[in-house]
Protein backbone atom coordinates (compact mmCIF):
# COMPACT_ATOMS: atom_id res chain seq x y z
CA GLY A 1 3.04 6.30 15.01
CA SER A 2 5.19 8.18 12.77
CA ASP A 3 4.53 9.97 9.42
CA GLY A 4 4.63 7.79 6.84
CA MET A 5 4.68 10.26 4.00
CA ASN A 6 8.19 12.49 6.50
CA LEU A 7 9.87 8.68 5.79
CA ILE A 8 9.33 8.66 1.90
CA ALA A 9 10.16 12.47 1.66
CA ASP A 10 13.48 11.70 3.43
CA ILE A 11 14.26 8.91 1.81
CA CYS A 12 13.53 10.33 -1.86
CA THR A 13 15.72 13.30 0.11
CA ILE A 14 19.00 10.42 0.39
CA TYR A 15 18.46 8.83 -2.76
CA SER A 16 18.87 12.04 -4.32
CA ASN A 17 21.33 13.10 -2.86
CA TYR A 18 23.65 10.12 -3.33
CA LYS A 19 22.23 9.12 -7.15
CA PHE A 20 21.82 5.57 -5.77
CA SER A 21 20.56 3.70 -8.53
CA THR A 22 16.81 2.49 -7.10
CA GLU A 23 13.28 3.47 -6.94
CA VAL A 24 11.29 4.65 -3.88
CA LEU A 25 8.03 2.61 -3.28
CA VAL A 26 5.23 3.74 -1.61
CA ALA A 27 2.93 0.99 -0.98
CA SER A 28 -0.69 0.34 -0.07
CA ALA A 29 -1.90 4.63 -0.04
CA ARG A 30 -4.74 4.29 1.69
CA HIS A 31 -6.07 7.70 1.03
CA PRO A 32 -5.64 10.08 -2.46
CA GLN A 33 -4.17 12.65 -0.31
CA HIS A 34 -1.09 9.66 0.42
CA PHE A 35 -0.60 9.92 -3.39
CA VAL A 36 -0.82 12.95 -4.22
CA ASP A 37 1.81 13.52 -1.54
CA ALA A 38 3.75 10.48 -1.99
CA ALA A 39 4.25 11.84 -5.91
CA LEU A 40 5.01 14.99 -5.23
CA LEU A 41 8.29 14.14 -2.50
CA GLY A 42 9.42 11.86 -5.78
CA ALA A 43 8.07 8.34 -5.48
CA ASP A 44 8.49 6.27 -8.19
CA VAL A 45 5.53 3.35 -7.87
CA ILE A 46 2.77 4.06 -6.11
CA THR A 47 0.36 0.99 -5.01
CA LEU A 48 -2.70 1.47 -3.67
CA PRO A 49 -6.52 -0.62 -3.50
CA PRO A 50 -8.71 0.07 -6.04
CA VAL A 51 -11.24 2.74 -3.48
CA THR A 52 -8.24 4.53 -3.16
CA LEU A 53 -7.39 5.08 -7.02
CA ALA A 54 -11.86 5.00 -7.83
CA GLN A 55 -11.45 8.16 -5.25
CA LEU A 56 -8.63 10.20 -7.36
CA TYR A 57 -11.26 10.70 -9.92
CA LYS A 58 -14.23 10.43 -8.14
CA HIS A 59 -15.09 13.73 -6.95
CA PRO A 60 -18.23 16.32 -5.84
CA LEU A 61 -16.51 18.92 -7.80
CA THR A 62 -14.98 17.42 -10.96
CA ASP A 63 -19.06 16.15 -11.11
CA LYS A 64 -20.38 19.14 -10.42
CA GLY A 65 -17.91 21.34 -13.64
CA LEU A 66 -18.72 18.04 -15.78
CA ALA A 67 -22.11 18.42 -15.00
CA ALA A 68 -22.14 22.13 -15.86
CA PHE A 69 -20.18 21.75 -18.69
CA LEU A 70 -21.95 18.99 -20.32
CA SER A 71 -25.57 21.15 -19.64
CA ASP A 72 -23.86 24.29 -21.49
CA TRP A 73 -22.78 21.97 -24.64
CA GLU A 74 -26.52 20.27 -24.80
CA LYS A 75 -27.89 24.12 -25.24
CA THR A 76 -25.49 25.05 -28.07
CA GLY A 77 -27.56 21.81 -30.17
CA GLN A 78 -23.98 20.40 -31.76
CA SER A 79 -23.30 17.50 -31.82
CA ILE A 80 -19.31 15.36 -31.65
CA THR A 81 -20.11 12.59 -33.61
């Protein structure tokens, strides 16, 4: 019934304030935004299921941008091989 990212923020702040010799682990992040939030908060380790990992790099805007880049590159007639 509480926001897990608020807990992570509190833990990271406390450990940082007192220079504890430990690492913050965010276990089983279920959403790409949880991964981003945990990283921004300073978590040292984040575990996540493969489907969430795939969602981090598979995004409709990335696909659209890549398709536009490849189309433009093809029109130049150049090759990198």
